[in-house]
């Protein structure tokens, strides 16, 4: 699942924060399902889905 957001030259803190929050809402249930199913591992400093 892609969680990237666009970083625009004209961004203000508020507009970028709003896009980040929208992205977080989109992937939240997927992230919870991964944790509950224990389908994750740590690679270096990243949590990766198995």
PDB file of N, CA and C in Angstrom:
ATOM      1  N   UNK A   1       0.851  -1.175   0.000  1.00  0.00           N
ATOM      2  CA  UNK A   1       0.000   0.000   0.000  1.00  0.00           C
ATOM      3  C   UNK A   1       0.897   1.238   0.000  1.00  0.00           C
ATOM      4  N   UNK A   2       0.618   2.124  -0.893  1.00  0.00           N
ATOM      5  CA  UNK A   2       1.433   3.328  -1.058  1.00  0.00           C
ATOM      6  C   UNK A   2       0.974   4.406  -0.085  1.00  0.00           C
ATOM      7  N   UNK A   3       1.885   4.907   0.729  1.00  0.00           N
ATOM      8  CA  UNK A   3       1.534   5.934   1.704  1.00  0.00           C
ATOM      9  C   UNK A   3       2.241   7.256   1.441  1.00  0.00           C
ATOM     10  N   UNK A   4       2.827   7.402   0.257  1.00  0.00           N
ATOM     11  CA  UNK A   4       3.548   8.643  -0.053  1.00  0.00           C
ATOM     12  C   UNK A   4       2.576   9.786  -0.315  1.00  0.00           C
ATOM     13  N   UNK A   5       3.019  10.989  -0.003  1.00  0.00           N
ATOM     14  CA  UNK A   5       2.247  12.195  -0.321  1.00  0.00           C
ATOM     15  C   UNK A   5       3.129  13.108  -1.159  1.00  0.00           C
ATOM     16  N   UNK A   6       2.479  13.967  -1.904  1.00  0.00           N
ATOM     17  CA  UNK A   6       3.210  14.924  -2.722  1.00  0.00           C
ATOM     18  C   UNK A   6       3.743  16.054  -1.848  1.00  0.00           C
ATOM     19  N   UNK A   7       4.951  16.503  -2.137  1.00  0.00           N
ATOM     20  CA  UNK A   7       5.523  17.678  -1.480  1.00  0.00           C
ATOM     21  C   UNK A   7       5.601  18.757  -2.551  1.00  0.00           C
ATOM     22  N   UNK A   8       4.803  19.785  -2.377  1.00  0.00           N
ATOM     23  CA  UNK A   8       4.672  20.824  -3.388  1.00  0.00           C
ATOM     24  C   UNK A   8       5.463  22.065  -2.988  1.00  0.00           C
ATOM     25  N   UNK A   9       5.984  22.782  -3.984  1.00  0.00           N
ATOM     26  CA  UNK A   9       6.734  24.008  -3.713  1.00  0.00           C
ATOM     27  C   UNK A   9       5.891  25.047  -2.980  1.00  0.00           C
ATOM     28  N   UNK A  10       4.607  25.086  -3.284  1.00  0.00           N
ATOM     29  CA  UNK A  10       3.721  26.094  -2.695  1.00  0.00           C
ATOM     30  C   UNK A  10       3.135  25.647  -1.355  1.00  0.00           C
ATOM     31  N   UNK A  11       3.571  24.525  -0.825  1.00  0.00           N
ATOM     32  CA  UNK A  11       3.025  24.009   0.423  1.00  0.00           C
ATOM     33  C   UNK A  11       3.231  24.955   1.590  1.00  0.00           C
ATOM     34  N   UNK A  12       2.208  25.038   2.395  1.00  0.00           N
ATOM     35  CA  UNK A  12       2.288  25.656   3.707  1.00  0.00           C
ATOM     36  C   UNK A  12       2.193  24.503   4.697  1.00  0.00           C
ATOM     37  N   UNK A  13       2.530  24.742   5.936  1.00  0.00           N
ATOM     38  CA  UNK A  13       2.476  23.694   6.957  1.00  0.00           C
ATOM     39  C   UNK A  13       1.082  23.074   6.997  1.00  0.00           C
ATOM     40  N   UNK A  14       0.056  23.896   6.937  1.00  0.00           N
ATOM     41  CA  UNK A  14      -1.319  23.419   7.045  1.00  0.00           C
ATOM     42  C   UNK A  14      -1.713  22.521   5.874  1.00  0.00           C
ATOM     43  N   UNK A  15      -1.348  22.912   4.644  1.00  0.00           N
ATOM     44  CA  UNK A  15      -1.755  22.124   3.481  1.00  0.00           C
ATOM     45  C   UNK A  15      -1.026  20.788   3.435  1.00  0.00           C
ATOM     46  N   UNK A  16       0.244  20.788   3.776  1.00  0.00           N
ATOM     47  CA  UNK A  16       0.991  19.522   3.800  1.00  0.00           C
ATOM     48  C   UNK A  16       0.504  18.635   4.938  1.00  0.00           C
ATOM     49  N   UNK A  17       0.248  19.226   6.078  1.00  0.00           N
ATOM     50  CA  UNK A  17      -0.268  18.459   7.217  1.00  0.00           C
ATOM     51  C   UNK A  17      -1.604  17.810   6.895  1.00  0.00           C
ATOM     52  N   UNK A  18      -2.456  18.516   6.170  1.00  0.00           N
ATOM     53  CA  UNK A  18      -3.760  17.964   5.789  1.00  0.00           C
ATOM     54  C   UNK A  18      -3.589  16.756   4.864  1.00  0.00           C
ATOM     55  N   UNK A  19      -2.648  16.824   3.925  1.00  0.00           N
ATOM     56  CA  UNK A  19      -2.409  15.676   3.029  1.00  0.00           C
ATOM     57  C   UNK A  19      -1.829  14.489   3.794  1.00  0.00           C
ATOM     58  N   UNK A  20      -0.945  14.765   4.748  1.00  0.00           N
ATOM     59  CA  UNK A  20      -0.377  13.688   5.570  1.00  0.00           C
ATOM     60  C   UNK A  20      -1.487  13.009   6.374  1.00  0.00           C
ATOM     61  N   UNK A  21      -2.355  13.785   6.990  1.00  0.00           N
ATOM     62  CA  UNK A  21      -3.441  13.223   7.782  1.00  0.00           C
ATOM     63  C   UNK A  21      -4.372  12.371   6.927  1.00  0.00           C
ATOM     64  N   UNK A  22      -4.689  12.825   5.733  1.00  0.00           N
ATOM     65  CA  UNK A  22      -5.529  12.049   4.823  1.00  0.00           C
ATOM     66  C   UNK A  22      -4.865  10.718   4.485  1.00  0.00           C
ATOM     67  N   UNK A  23      -3.567  10.743   4.227  1.00  0.00           N
ATOM     68  CA  UNK A  23      -2.836   9.511   3.944  1.00  0.00           C
ATOM     69  C   UNK A  23      -2.816   8.580   5.143  1.00  0.00           C
ATOM     70  N   UNK A  24      -2.643   9.132   6.329  1.00  0.00           N
ATOM     71  CA  UNK A  24      -2.662   8.313   7.545  1.00  0.00           C
ATOM     72  C   UNK A  24      -4.009   7.640   7.725  1.00  0.00           C
ATOM     73  N   UNK A  25      -5.081   8.353   7.487  1.00  0.00           N
ATOM     74  CA  UNK A  25      -6.421   7.767   7.602  1.00  0.00           C
ATOM     75  C   UNK A  25      -6.614   6.647   6.581  1.00  0.00           C
ATOM     76  N   UNK A  26      -6.052   6.801   5.400  1.00  0.00           N
ATOM     77  CA  UNK A  26      -6.203   5.801   4.347  1.00  0.00           C
ATOM     78  C   UNK A  26      -5.501   4.490   4.707  1.00  0.00           C
ATOM     79  N   UNK A  27      -4.342   4.544   5.347  1.00  0.00           N
ATOM     80  CA  UNK A  27      -3.572   3.329   5.601  1.00  0.00           C
ATOM     81  C   UNK A  27      -3.724   2.783   7.023  1.00  0.00           C
ATOM     82  N   UNK A  28      -4.431   3.472   7.898  1.00  0.00           N
ATOM     83  CA  UNK A  28      -4.515   3.092   9.311  1.00  0.00           C
ATOM     84  C   UNK A  28      -5.067   1.678   9.506  1.00  0.00           C
ATOM     85  N   UNK A  29      -6.196   1.367   8.909  1.00  0.00           N
ATOM     86  CA  UNK A  29      -6.799   0.049   9.115  1.00  0.00           C
ATOM     87  C   UNK A  29      -5.907  -1.065   8.562  1.00  0.00           C
ATOM     88  N   UNK A  30      -5.213  -0.799   7.474  1.00  0.00           N
ATOM     89  CA  UNK A  30      -4.276  -1.778   6.914  1.00  0.00           C
ATOM     90  C   UNK A  30      -3.120  -2.026   7.882  1.00  0.00           C
ATOM     91  N   UNK A  31      -2.593  -0.982   8.474  1.00  0.00           N
ATOM     92  CA  UNK A  31      -1.492  -1.120   9.422  1.00  0.00           C
ATOM     93  C   UNK A  31      -1.925  -1.904  10.656  1.00  0.00           C
ATOM     94  N   UNK A  32      -3.116  -1.647  11.167  1.00  0.00           N
ATOM     95  CA  UNK A  32      -3.622  -2.375  12.329  1.00  0.00           C
ATOM     96  C   UNK A  32      -3.786  -3.859  11.993  1.00  0.00           C
ATOM     97  N   UNK A  33      -4.302  -4.171  10.808  1.00  0.00           N
ATOM     98  CA  UNK A  33      -4.469  -5.574  10.395  1.00  0.00           C
ATOM     99  C   UNK A  33      -3.127  -6.296  10.330  1.00  0.00           C
ATOM    100  N   UNK A  34      -2.096  -5.627   9.844  1.00  0.00           N
ATOM    101  CA  UNK A  34      -0.752  -6.230   9.772  1.00  0.00           C
ATOM    102  C   UNK A  34      -0.234  -6.538  11.172  1.00  0.00           C
ATOM    103  N   UNK A  35      -0.398  -5.607  12.092  1.00  0.00           N
ATOM    104  CA  UNK A  35       0.084  -5.807  13.457  1.00  0.00           C
ATOM    105  C   UNK A  35      -0.672  -6.955  14.130  1.00  0.00           C
ATOM    106  N   UNK A  36      -1.990  -6.962  14.013  1.00  0.00           N
ATOM    107  CA  UNK A  36      -2.787  -8.003  14.660  1.00  0.00           C
ATOM    108  C   UNK A  36      -2.502  -9.390  14.085  1.00  0.00           C
ATOM    109  N   UNK A  37      -2.205  -9.471  12.795  1.00  0.00           N
ATOM    110  CA  UNK A  37      -1.909 -10.747  12.152  1.00  0.00           C
ATOM    111  C   UNK A  37      -0.443 -11.154  12.324  1.00  0.00           C
ATOM    112  N   UNK A  38       0.335 -10.273  12.970  1.00  0.00           N
ATOM    113  CA  UNK A  38       1.769 -10.502  13.181  1.00  0.00           C
ATOM    114  C   UNK A  38       2.499 -10.778  11.865  1.00  0.00           C
ATOM    115  N   UNK A  39       2.149 -10.011  10.842  1.00  0.00           N
ATOM    116  CA  UNK A  39       2.787 -10.127   9.529  1.00  0.00           C
ATOM    117  C   UNK A  39       3.787  -8.999   9.313  1.00  0.00           C
ATOM    118  N   UNK A  40       4.697  -8.814  10.240  1.00  0.00           N
ATOM    119  CA  UNK A  40       5.676  -7.740  10.124  1.00  0.00           C
ATOM    120  C   UNK A  40       7.005  -8.192  10.721  1.00  0.00           C
ATOM    121  N   UNK A  41       8.049  -7.502  10.312  1.00  0.00           N
ATOM    122  CA  UNK A  41       9.383  -7.738  10.858  1.00  0.00           C
ATOM    123  C   UNK A  41      10.141  -6.408  10.812  1.00  0.00           C
ATOM    124  N   UNK A  42      11.214  -6.339  11.577  1.00  0.00           N
ATOM    125  CA  UNK A  42      12.030  -5.132  11.606  1.00  0.00           C
ATOM    126  C   UNK A  42      13.294  -5.387  10.800  1.00  0.00           C
ATOM    127  N   UNK A  43      13.555  -4.498   9.852  1.00  0.00           N
ATOM    128  CA  UNK A  43      14.777  -4.523   9.040  1.00  0.00           C
ATOM    129  C   UNK A  43      15.495  -3.194   9.255  1.00  0.00           C
ATOM    130  N   UNK A  44      16.570  -3.238  10.016  1.00  0.00           N
ATOM    131  CA  UNK A  44      17.273  -1.991  10.328  1.00  0.00           C
ATOM    132  C   UNK A  44      16.379  -1.092  11.152  1.00  0.00           C
ATOM    133  N   UNK A  45      16.023   0.069  10.594  1.00  0.00           N
ATOM    134  CA  UNK A  45      15.148   1.014  11.298  1.00  0.00           C
ATOM    135  C   UNK A  45      13.744   1.047  10.712  1.00  0.00           C
ATOM    136  N   UNK A  46      13.417   0.047   9.871  1.00  0.00           N
ATOM    137  CA  UNK A  46      12.104   0.030   9.231  1.00  0.00           C
ATOM    138  C   UNK A  46      11.289  -1.172   9.681  1.00  0.00           C
ATOM    139  N   UNK A  47      10.000  -0.994   9.777  1.00  0.00           N
ATOM    140  CA  UNK A  47       9.068  -2.102   9.992  1.00  0.00           C
ATOM    141  C   UNK A  47       8.545  -2.477   8.610  1.00  0.00           C
ATOM    142  N   UNK A  48       8.685  -3.766   8.255  1.00  0.00           N
ATOM    143  CA  UNK A  48       8.355  -4.231   6.920  1.00  0.00           C
ATOM    144  C   UNK A  48       7.269  -5.292   7.009  1.00  0.00           C
ATOM    145  N   UNK A  49       6.306  -5.235   6.096  1.00  0.00           N
ATOM    146  CA  UNK A  49       5.236  -6.236   6.052  1.00  0.00           C
ATOM    147  C   UNK A  49       5.787  -7.534   5.461  1.00  0.00           C
ATOM    148  N   UNK A  50       5.473  -8.660   6.116  1.00  0.00           N
ATOM    149  CA  UNK A  50       5.855  -9.984   5.594  1.00  0.00           C
ATOM    150  C   UNK A  50       4.896 -10.419   4.511  1.00  0.00           C
TER     151      UNK A  50
END
